[in-house]
Amino acid sequence: MKDSYKTKEQLIEEMEALRQEVVELKKGETERKRMEEALRDSMERYRTLVENINLGITLIGSDYRIIMTNA
């Protein structure tokens, strides 16, 4: 029956591996949030540019439907 039990060292190694996975997950989440913020900033700059330019801009999809147009 003793073979079914893990040694203290094995448990410590598994805990360290889990800790490393948590660290990596947190890094990924931080990067995802940074990328989402950068995308929001980029979209806002694009929207501001299109809305305030003195030219008519129309975005037409591949099916020839109007997707977006400025004033």
C-alpha atoms as a PDB file:
ATOM      1  CA  MET A   1       0.000   0.000   0.000  1.00  0.00           C
ATOM      2  CA  LYS A   2       2.895   2.344   0.585  1.00  0.00           C
ATOM      3  CA  ASP A   3       3.434   2.666  -3.182  1.00  0.00           C
ATOM      4  CA  SER A   4       0.118   4.544  -3.532  1.00  0.00           C
ATOM      5  CA  TYR A   5       1.348   7.380  -1.302  1.00  0.00           C
ATOM      6  CA  LYS A   6       3.472  10.214  -2.613  1.00  0.00           C
ATOM      7  CA  THR A   7       6.580  11.311  -0.818  1.00  0.00           C
ATOM      8  CA  LYS A   8       6.882  14.761   0.667  1.00  0.00           C
ATOM      9  CA  GLU A   9       9.378  15.650  -2.073  1.00  0.00           C
ATOM     10  CA  GLN A  10       6.968  14.531  -4.815  1.00  0.00           C
ATOM     11  CA  LEU A  11       4.180  16.641  -3.331  1.00  0.00           C
ATOM     12  CA  ILE A  12       6.486  19.647  -3.105  1.00  0.00           C
ATOM     13  CA  GLU A  13       7.516  19.180  -6.743  1.00  0.00           C
ATOM     14  CA  GLU A  14       3.870  18.958  -7.825  1.00  0.00           C
ATOM     15  CA  MET A  15       3.000  22.077  -5.837  1.00  0.00           C
ATOM     16  CA  GLU A  16       5.891  23.961  -7.420  1.00  0.00           C
ATOM     17  CA  ALA A  17       4.754  22.862 -10.886  1.00  0.00           C
ATOM     18  CA  LEU A  18       1.235  24.080 -10.110  1.00  0.00           C
ATOM     19  CA  ARG A  19       2.619  27.386  -8.808  1.00  0.00           C
ATOM     20  CA  GLN A  20       4.537  27.844 -12.059  1.00  0.00           C
ATOM     21  CA  GLU A  21       1.372  27.154 -14.064  1.00  0.00           C
ATOM     22  CA  VAL A  22      -0.508  29.785 -12.056  1.00  0.00           C
ATOM     23  CA  VAL A  23       2.277  32.303 -12.712  1.00  0.00           C
ATOM     24  CA  GLU A  24       2.092  31.591 -16.451  1.00  0.00           C
ATOM     25  CA  LEU A  25      -1.699  31.919 -16.446  1.00  0.00           C
ATOM     26  CA  LYS A  26      -1.444  35.289 -14.708  1.00  0.00           C
ATOM     27  CA  LYS A  27       1.106  36.465 -17.285  1.00  0.00           C
ATOM     28  CA  GLY A  28      -1.238  35.401 -20.079  1.00  0.00           C
ATOM     29  CA  GLU A  29      -4.165  37.205 -18.480  1.00  0.00           C
ATOM     30  CA  THR A  30      -2.108  40.370 -18.065  1.00  0.00           C
ATOM     31  CA  GLU A  31      -1.035  40.230 -21.716  1.00  0.00           C
ATOM     32  CA  ARG A  32      -4.622  39.625 -22.861  1.00  0.00           C
ATOM     33  CA  LYS A  33      -5.825  42.652 -20.902  1.00  0.00           C
ATOM     34  CA  ARG A  34      -3.025  44.784 -22.351  1.00  0.00           C
ATOM     35  CA  MET A  35      -3.919  43.706 -25.874  1.00  0.00           C
ATOM     36  CA  GLU A  36      -7.629  44.398 -25.309  1.00  0.00           C
ATOM     37  CA  GLU A  37      -6.792  47.907 -24.094  1.00  0.00           C
ATOM     38  CA  ALA A  38      -4.535  48.523 -27.100  1.00  0.00           C
ATOM     39  CA  LEU A  39      -7.331  47.347 -29.416  1.00  0.00           C
ATOM     40  CA  ARG A  40      -9.853  49.678 -27.731  1.00  0.00           C
ATOM     41  CA  ASP A  41      -7.420  52.598 -28.077  1.00  0.00           C
ATOM     42  CA  SER A  42      -6.828  51.811 -31.740  1.00  0.00           C
ATOM     43  CA  MET A  43     -10.537  51.540 -32.478  1.00  0.00           C
ATOM     44  CA  GLU A  44     -11.199  54.857 -30.746  1.00  0.00           C
ATOM     45  CA  ARG A  45      -8.470  56.597 -32.786  1.00  0.00           C
ATOM     46  CA  TYR A  46      -9.906  55.123 -35.987  1.00  0.00           C
ATOM     47  CA  ARG A  47     -13.445  56.154 -35.051  1.00  0.00           C
ATOM     48  CA  THR A  48     -12.356  59.693 -34.170  1.00  0.00           C
ATOM     49  CA  LEU A  49     -10.435  60.039 -37.421  1.00  0.00           C
ATOM     50  CA  VAL A  50     -13.284  58.779 -39.592  1.00  0.00           C
ATOM     51  CA  GLU A  51     -15.915  60.860 -37.816  1.00  0.00           C
ATOM     52  CA  ASN A  52     -13.927  64.101 -38.044  1.00  0.00           C
ATOM     53  CA  ILE A  53     -12.349  63.958 -41.498  1.00  0.00           C
ATOM     54  CA  ASN A  54     -13.731  66.307 -44.168  1.00  0.00           C
ATOM     55  CA  LEU A  55     -14.156  63.478 -46.668  1.00  0.00           C
ATOM     56  CA  GLY A  56     -16.929  60.979 -47.113  1.00  0.00           C
ATOM     57  CA  ILE A  57     -15.846  57.499 -46.112  1.00  0.00           C
ATOM     58  CA  THR A  58     -17.926  54.389 -46.724  1.00  0.00           C
ATOM     59  CA  LEU A  59     -16.906  50.869 -45.829  1.00  0.00           C
ATOM     60  CA  ILE A  60     -18.493  48.282 -48.123  1.00  0.00           C
ATOM     61  CA  GLY A  61     -18.441  44.556 -47.415  1.00  0.00           C
ATOM     62  CA  SER A  62     -17.619  41.800 -49.874  1.00  0.00           C
ATOM     63  CA  ASP A  63     -21.375  41.349 -50.431  1.00  0.00           C
ATOM     64  CA  TYR A  64     -21.559  45.050 -51.481  1.00  0.00           C
ATOM     65  CA  ARG A  65     -23.548  46.057 -48.429  1.00  0.00           C
ATOM     66  CA  ILE A  66     -22.638  49.273 -46.621  1.00  0.00           C
ATOM     67  CA  ILE A  67     -20.996  48.412 -43.337  1.00  0.00           C
ATOM     68  CA  MET A  68     -20.222  51.929 -42.151  1.00  0.00           C
ATOM     69  CA  THR A  69     -20.261  55.486 -43.407  1.00  0.00           C
ATOM     70  CA  ASN A  70     -19.292  58.775 -41.816  1.00  0.00           C
ATOM     71  CA  ALA A  71     -21.399  61.954 -41.772  1.00  0.00           C
END
